[in-house]
Amino acid sequence: MCIKVTKLHIVDVLTILIEWTMEGLDLEKAMAQPETTFKVRHLKMGIMMSSVLCTCDSYTSFRMLVGYPLMFTHHLPITVL
């Protein structure tokens, strides 16, 4: 069985990975987690996915930085409780 992967499929997969990454970096969604451990894991995975995606290639980095602007609304430190 041979599966043909086209550029369109790669872009679709990349879009999904970027959306998951942005969800992992969303502070409000992380704070909605029931326990502190889950909040930390949520943000940790978003940070790890963003660092991996930004080191893939220039196109992926460009999509991460331009296509999806940073979602940080808080500039002050917060407590994770």
C-alpha atoms as a PDB file:
ATOM      1  CA  MET A   1       0.000   0.000   0.000  1.00  0.00           C
ATOM      2  CA  CYS A   2       1.401   3.352  -1.020  1.00  0.00           C
ATOM      3  CA  ILE A   3       0.185   6.635   0.427  1.00  0.00           C
ATOM      4  CA  LYS A   4       0.869   9.758  -1.567  1.00  0.00           C
ATOM      5  CA  VAL A   5       1.583  12.742   0.650  1.00  0.00           C
ATOM      6  CA  THR A   6       1.058  16.041  -1.059  1.00  0.00           C
ATOM      7  CA  LYS A   7       2.041  19.525   0.008  1.00  0.00           C
ATOM      8  CA  LEU A   8      -1.614  20.158   0.808  1.00  0.00           C
ATOM      9  CA  HIS A   9      -1.626  17.358   3.397  1.00  0.00           C
ATOM     10  CA  ILE A  10       1.577  18.650   4.968  1.00  0.00           C
ATOM     11  CA  VAL A  11       0.084  22.128   5.289  1.00  0.00           C
ATOM     12  CA  ASP A  12      -3.048  20.657   6.878  1.00  0.00           C
ATOM     13  CA  VAL A  13      -0.978  18.714   9.400  1.00  0.00           C
ATOM     14  CA  LEU A  14       1.156  21.774  10.111  1.00  0.00           C
ATOM     15  CA  THR A  15      -1.950  23.880  10.699  1.00  0.00           C
ATOM     16  CA  ILE A  16      -3.265  21.339  13.196  1.00  0.00           C
ATOM     17  CA  LEU A  17       0.072  21.146  15.025  1.00  0.00           C
ATOM     18  CA  ILE A  18       0.250  24.939  15.243  1.00  0.00           C
ATOM     19  CA  GLU A  19      -3.312  25.101  16.563  1.00  0.00           C
ATOM     20  CA  TRP A  20      -2.467  22.510  19.226  1.00  0.00           C
ATOM     21  CA  THR A  21       0.646  24.483  20.130  1.00  0.00           C
ATOM     22  CA  MET A  22      -1.273  27.728  20.475  1.00  0.00           C
ATOM     23  CA  GLU A  23      -3.831  25.941  22.643  1.00  0.00           C
ATOM     24  CA  GLY A  24      -0.973  24.671  24.802  1.00  0.00           C
ATOM     25  CA  LEU A  25       0.295  28.237  25.198  1.00  0.00           C
ATOM     26  CA  ASP A  26      -3.130  29.632  26.056  1.00  0.00           C
ATOM     27  CA  LEU A  27      -2.892  30.745  29.661  1.00  0.00           C
ATOM     28  CA  GLU A  28      -6.651  30.877  30.184  1.00  0.00           C
ATOM     29  CA  LYS A  29      -7.094  27.270  29.063  1.00  0.00           C
ATOM     30  CA  ALA A  30      -4.219  26.190  31.279  1.00  0.00           C
ATOM     31  CA  MET A  31      -5.757  27.955  34.283  1.00  0.00           C
ATOM     32  CA  ALA A  32      -9.018  26.108  33.623  1.00  0.00           C
ATOM     33  CA  GLN A  33      -7.300  22.817  34.464  1.00  0.00           C
ATOM     34  CA  PRO A  34      -8.477  21.409  37.809  1.00  0.00           C
ATOM     35  CA  GLU A  35      -5.084  20.855  39.457  1.00  0.00           C
ATOM     36  CA  THR A  36      -1.823  22.789  39.588  1.00  0.00           C
ATOM     37  CA  THR A  37       0.083  19.843  38.112  1.00  0.00           C
ATOM     38  CA  PHE A  38      -2.168  19.815  35.056  1.00  0.00           C
ATOM     39  CA  LYS A  39      -1.750  23.579  34.614  1.00  0.00           C
ATOM     40  CA  VAL A  40       2.023  23.246  34.574  1.00  0.00           C
ATOM     41  CA  ARG A  41       1.918  20.275  32.190  1.00  0.00           C
ATOM     42  CA  HIS A  42      -0.437  22.137  29.864  1.00  0.00           C
ATOM     43  CA  LEU A  43       1.911  25.123  29.555  1.00  0.00           C
ATOM     44  CA  LYS A  44       5.020  22.926  29.453  1.00  0.00           C
ATOM     45  CA  MET A  45       3.713  20.997  26.442  1.00  0.00           C
ATOM     46  CA  GLY A  46       2.808  24.233  24.645  1.00  0.00           C
ATOM     47  CA  ILE A  47       6.304  25.588  25.229  1.00  0.00           C
ATOM     48  CA  MET A  48       7.966  22.357  24.112  1.00  0.00           C
ATOM     49  CA  MET A  49       5.833  22.086  20.970  1.00  0.00           C
ATOM     50  CA  SER A  50       6.515  25.704  20.032  1.00  0.00           C
ATOM     51  CA  SER A  51      10.264  25.256  20.454  1.00  0.00           C
ATOM     52  CA  VAL A  52      10.217  22.119  18.290  1.00  0.00           C
ATOM     53  CA  LEU A  53       8.078  23.695  15.570  1.00  0.00           C
ATOM     54  CA  CYS A  54      10.203  26.859  15.455  1.00  0.00           C
ATOM     55  CA  THR A  55      13.345  24.796  14.879  1.00  0.00           C
ATOM     56  CA  CYS A  56      11.908  22.697  12.021  1.00  0.00           C
ATOM     57  CA  ASP A  57      12.445  24.958   9.024  1.00  0.00           C
ATOM     58  CA  SER A  58      11.987  28.574   8.008  1.00  0.00           C
ATOM     59  CA  TYR A  59       8.470  28.055   6.614  1.00  0.00           C
ATOM     60  CA  THR A  60       7.230  26.510   9.848  1.00  0.00           C
ATOM     61  CA  SER A  61       8.884  29.223  11.933  1.00  0.00           C
ATOM     62  CA  PHE A  62       7.314  31.867   9.719  1.00  0.00           C
ATOM     63  CA  ARG A  63       3.864  30.295  10.153  1.00  0.00           C
ATOM     64  CA  MET A  64       4.346  30.155  13.916  1.00  0.00           C
ATOM     65  CA  LEU A  65       5.442  33.778  14.267  1.00  0.00           C
ATOM     66  CA  VAL A  66       3.354  35.555  11.631  1.00  0.00           C
ATOM     67  CA  GLY A  67       0.280  33.417  11.077  1.00  0.00           C
ATOM     68  CA  TYR A  68      -0.455  33.031  14.755  1.00  0.00           C
ATOM     69  CA  PRO A  69       0.508  36.091  16.794  1.00  0.00           C
ATOM     70  CA  LEU A  70       1.491  35.536  20.388  1.00  0.00           C
ATOM     71  CA  MET A  71      -1.463  35.092  22.660  1.00  0.00           C
ATOM     72  CA  PHE A  72       0.059  36.594  25.792  1.00  0.00           C
ATOM     73  CA  THR A  73      -2.247  39.133  27.362  1.00  0.00           C
ATOM     74  CA  HIS A  74      -0.708  39.265  30.814  1.00  0.00           C
ATOM     75  CA  HIS A  75       2.647  40.902  31.292  1.00  0.00           C
ATOM     76  CA  LEU A  76       2.738  40.503  35.053  1.00  0.00           C
ATOM     77  CA  PRO A  77       3.693  37.333  36.862  1.00  0.00           C
ATOM     78  CA  ILE A  78       0.798  35.228  38.085  1.00  0.00           C
ATOM     79  CA  THR A  79       0.456  32.449  40.594  1.00  0.00           C
ATOM     80  CA  VAL A  80      -0.563  28.972  39.463  1.00  0.00           C
ATOM     81  CA  LEU A  81      -3.100  27.942  42.089  1.00  0.00           C
END
